[in-house]
Amino acid sequence: MGFNTSVIVLNDALHEIENDKDFGKKLGKAVRKLSLPHTYGIDISSGNHANVATVIETHHADYTSLLACGGNCVSVLGEIYGYRHNTESVQVQLLAMLADNLGYKVVKKGK
């Protein structure tokens, strides 16, 4: 199934991306660089912007990454095996993983 990569694009700089004939090459280079060990958050420059986009993380398509996006940046909160993140079971796995990482447990409410 391959790999997936998460990228954040700064909408204020879309005009720079649209006019940058080399943006695709820059994106490809950043994704390949991100695949190296201990490499995180590769900024892509264009025009007079240092970071019109940032390549955040890459993972195998059989996994799901949990990301939080805001403030012009993204945090990787965790990753689990399983790609059906539109199902309750995988959503509960994601919730439990995040809770466990923070020292909490997930308990289903009683009816």
C-alpha atoms as a PDB file:
ATOM      1  CA  MET A   1       0.000   0.000   0.000  1.00  0.00           C
ATOM      2  CA  GLY A   2       2.935   2.396   0.311  1.00  0.00           C
ATOM      3  CA  PHE A   3       3.448   5.386   2.544  1.00  0.00           C
ATOM      4  CA  ASN A   4       1.510   8.565   3.362  1.00  0.00           C
ATOM      5  CA  THR A   5       2.966  11.945   4.258  1.00  0.00           C
ATOM      6  CA  SER A   6       1.323  14.812   6.141  1.00  0.00           C
ATOM      7  CA  VAL A   7       1.967  18.357   4.956  1.00  0.00           C
ATOM      8  CA  ILE A   8       0.674  21.686   6.279  1.00  0.00           C
ATOM      9  CA  VAL A   9       0.237  24.499   3.747  1.00  0.00           C
ATOM     10  CA  LEU A  10       0.058  28.149   4.806  1.00  0.00           C
ATOM     11  CA  ASN A  11      -2.904  29.534   2.871  1.00  0.00           C
ATOM     12  CA  ASP A  12      -1.492  33.078   3.036  1.00  0.00           C
ATOM     13  CA  ALA A  13       1.312  31.895   0.755  1.00  0.00           C
ATOM     14  CA  LEU A  14      -0.763  30.036  -1.849  1.00  0.00           C
ATOM     15  CA  HIS A  15       0.147  32.645  -4.471  1.00  0.00           C
ATOM     16  CA  GLU A  16       3.830  31.810  -3.932  1.00  0.00           C
ATOM     17  CA  ILE A  17       3.152  28.073  -4.383  1.00  0.00           C
ATOM     18  CA  GLU A  18       1.053  28.708  -7.502  1.00  0.00           C
ATOM     19  CA  ASN A  19       3.889  30.699  -9.088  1.00  0.00           C
ATOM     20  CA  ASP A  20       6.723  28.371  -8.034  1.00  0.00           C
ATOM     21  CA  LYS A  21       7.530  26.031 -10.918  1.00  0.00           C
ATOM     22  CA  ASP A  22       9.887  24.084  -8.612  1.00  0.00           C
ATOM     23  CA  PHE A  23       7.462  23.552  -5.715  1.00  0.00           C
ATOM     24  CA  GLY A  24       6.798  19.925  -6.664  1.00  0.00           C
ATOM     25  CA  LYS A  25      10.533  19.199  -6.715  1.00  0.00           C
ATOM     26  CA  LYS A  26      10.972  20.923  -3.341  1.00  0.00           C
ATOM     27  CA  LEU A  27       8.092  18.920  -1.890  1.00  0.00           C
ATOM     28  CA  GLY A  28       9.521  15.635  -3.181  1.00  0.00           C
ATOM     29  CA  LYS A  29      12.965  16.468  -1.782  1.00  0.00           C
ATOM     30  CA  ALA A  30      11.481  17.348   1.632  1.00  0.00           C
ATOM     31  CA  VAL A  31       9.441  14.117   1.786  1.00  0.00           C
ATOM     32  CA  ARG A  32      12.511  12.033   0.929  1.00  0.00           C
ATOM     33  CA  LYS A  33      14.586  13.913   3.506  1.00  0.00           C
ATOM     34  CA  LEU A  34      11.890  13.386   6.150  1.00  0.00           C
ATOM     35  CA  SER A  35      12.211   9.636   5.626  1.00  0.00           C
ATOM     36  CA  LEU A  36      15.702   9.772   7.123  1.00  0.00           C
ATOM     37  CA  PRO A  37      16.025   8.835  10.821  1.00  0.00           C
ATOM     38  CA  HIS A  38      15.632  11.647  13.384  1.00  0.00           C
ATOM     39  CA  THR A  39      14.301  14.152  10.842  1.00  0.00           C
ATOM     40  CA  TYR A  40      11.178  16.146  11.720  1.00  0.00           C
ATOM     41  CA  GLY A  41       9.254  19.036  10.193  1.00  0.00           C
ATOM     42  CA  ILE A  42      10.947  19.999   6.923  1.00  0.00           C
ATOM     43  CA  ASP A  43      10.031  23.543   5.822  1.00  0.00           C
ATOM     44  CA  ILE A  44       9.581  24.306   2.122  1.00  0.00           C
ATOM     45  CA  SER A  45      10.378  27.837   0.981  1.00  0.00           C
ATOM     46  CA  SER A  46       8.896  29.692  -1.964  1.00  0.00           C
ATOM     47  CA  GLY A  47       9.103  33.303  -3.095  1.00  0.00           C
ATOM     48  CA  ASN A  48       9.816  35.464  -0.074  1.00  0.00           C
ATOM     49  CA  HIS A  49       8.343  32.933   2.410  1.00  0.00           C
ATOM     50  CA  ALA A  50      10.647  30.609   4.353  1.00  0.00           C
ATOM     51  CA  ASN A  51       7.886  28.082   4.997  1.00  0.00           C
ATOM     52  CA  VAL A  52       4.943  28.078   2.585  1.00  0.00           C
ATOM     53  CA  ALA A  53       4.539  24.431   3.577  1.00  0.00           C
ATOM     54  CA  THR A  54       6.012  22.038   6.101  1.00  0.00           C
ATOM     55  CA  VAL A  55       6.313  18.286   5.646  1.00  0.00           C
ATOM     56  CA  ILE A  56       5.280  16.972   9.064  1.00  0.00           C
ATOM     57  CA  GLU A  57       5.582  13.186   9.161  1.00  0.00           C
ATOM     58  CA  THR A  58       5.502  10.081   7.024  1.00  0.00           C
ATOM     59  CA  HIS A  59       4.113   6.662   7.878  1.00  0.00           C
ATOM     60  CA  HIS A  60       3.143   3.370   6.280  1.00  0.00           C
ATOM     61  CA  ALA A  61      -0.378   3.332   4.854  1.00  0.00           C
ATOM     62  CA  ASP A  62      -1.372   0.520   7.252  1.00  0.00           C
ATOM     63  CA  TYR A  63      -0.915   2.935  10.189  1.00  0.00           C
ATOM     64  CA  THR A  64      -2.875   5.978  11.350  1.00  0.00           C
ATOM     65  CA  SER A  65      -1.138   9.066  12.696  1.00  0.00           C
ATOM     66  CA  LEU A  66      -2.943  11.338  15.136  1.00  0.00           C
ATOM     67  CA  LEU A  67      -2.097  14.973  14.455  1.00  0.00           C
ATOM     68  CA  ALA A  68      -3.111  18.290  16.026  1.00  0.00           C
ATOM     69  CA  CYS A  69      -3.059  21.314  13.725  1.00  0.00           C
ATOM     70  CA  GLY A  70      -3.163  24.947  14.838  1.00  0.00           C
ATOM     71  CA  GLY A  71      -1.033  28.059  15.136  1.00  0.00           C
ATOM     72  CA  ASN A  72       0.641  27.442  11.759  1.00  0.00           C
ATOM     73  CA  CYS A  73       2.109  24.165  12.957  1.00  0.00           C
ATOM     74  CA  VAL A  74       1.263  20.509  13.531  1.00  0.00           C
ATOM     75  CA  SER A  75       2.098  18.208  16.433  1.00  0.00           C
ATOM     76  CA  VAL A  76       2.295  14.455  15.978  1.00  0.00           C
ATOM     77  CA  LEU A  77       0.412  13.044  18.963  1.00  0.00           C
ATOM     78  CA  GLY A  78       0.953   9.385  18.181  1.00  0.00           C
ATOM     79  CA  GLU A  79       0.539   6.543  15.751  1.00  0.00           C
ATOM     80  CA  ILE A  80      -1.257   3.212  15.809  1.00  0.00           C
ATOM     81  CA  TYR A  81      -1.422   0.184  13.565  1.00  0.00           C
ATOM     82  CA  GLY A  82      -4.659   0.263  11.606  1.00  0.00           C
ATOM     83  CA  TYR A  83      -5.909   2.475   8.821  1.00  0.00           C
ATOM     84  CA  ARG A  84      -9.686   2.341   9.219  1.00  0.00           C
ATOM     85  CA  HIS A  85      -9.809   5.520  11.299  1.00  0.00           C
ATOM     86  CA  ASN A  86     -13.411   6.064  10.213  1.00  0.00           C
ATOM     87  CA  THR A  87     -14.471   3.159  12.451  1.00  0.00           C
ATOM     88  CA  GLU A  88     -15.269   3.379  16.150  1.00  0.00           C
ATOM     89  CA  SER A  89     -12.800   0.646  17.087  1.00  0.00           C
ATOM     90  CA  VAL A  90      -9.818   2.451  15.568  1.00  0.00           C
ATOM     91  CA  GLN A  91     -11.008   5.795  16.954  1.00  0.00           C
ATOM     92  CA  VAL A  92     -11.133   4.238  20.420  1.00  0.00           C
ATOM     93  CA  GLN A  93      -7.616   2.842  19.869  1.00  0.00           C
ATOM     94  CA  LEU A  94      -6.410   6.367  18.990  1.00  0.00           C
ATOM     95  CA  LEU A  95      -8.119   7.841  22.042  1.00  0.00           C
ATOM     96  CA  ALA A  96      -6.697   5.143  24.326  1.00  0.00           C
ATOM     97  CA  MET A  97      -3.191   5.605  22.882  1.00  0.00           C
ATOM     98  CA  LEU A  98      -3.291   9.358  23.466  1.00  0.00           C
ATOM     99  CA  ALA A  99      -4.753   8.965  26.955  1.00  0.00           C
ATOM    100  CA  ASP A 100      -2.113   6.356  27.859  1.00  0.00           C
ATOM    101  CA  ASN A 101       0.678   8.613  26.568  1.00  0.00           C
ATOM    102  CA  LEU A 102      -0.591  11.295  28.963  1.00  0.00           C
ATOM    103  CA  GLY A 103      -1.012   8.898  31.900  1.00  0.00           C
ATOM    104  CA  TYR A 104      -4.766   8.422  31.657  1.00  0.00           C
ATOM    105  CA  LYS A 105      -7.153   5.551  30.924  1.00  0.00           C
ATOM    106  CA  VAL A 106     -10.229   5.574  28.704  1.00  0.00           C
ATOM    107  CA  VAL A 107     -13.362   4.210  30.324  1.00  0.00           C
ATOM    108  CA  LYS A 108     -16.653   3.932  28.467  1.00  0.00           C
ATOM    109  CA  LYS A 109     -19.537   5.794  30.067  1.00  0.00           C
ATOM    110  CA  GLY A 110     -22.291   3.755  31.646  1.00  0.00           C
ATOM    111  CA  LYS A 111     -25.761   4.128  30.146  1.00  0.00           C
END
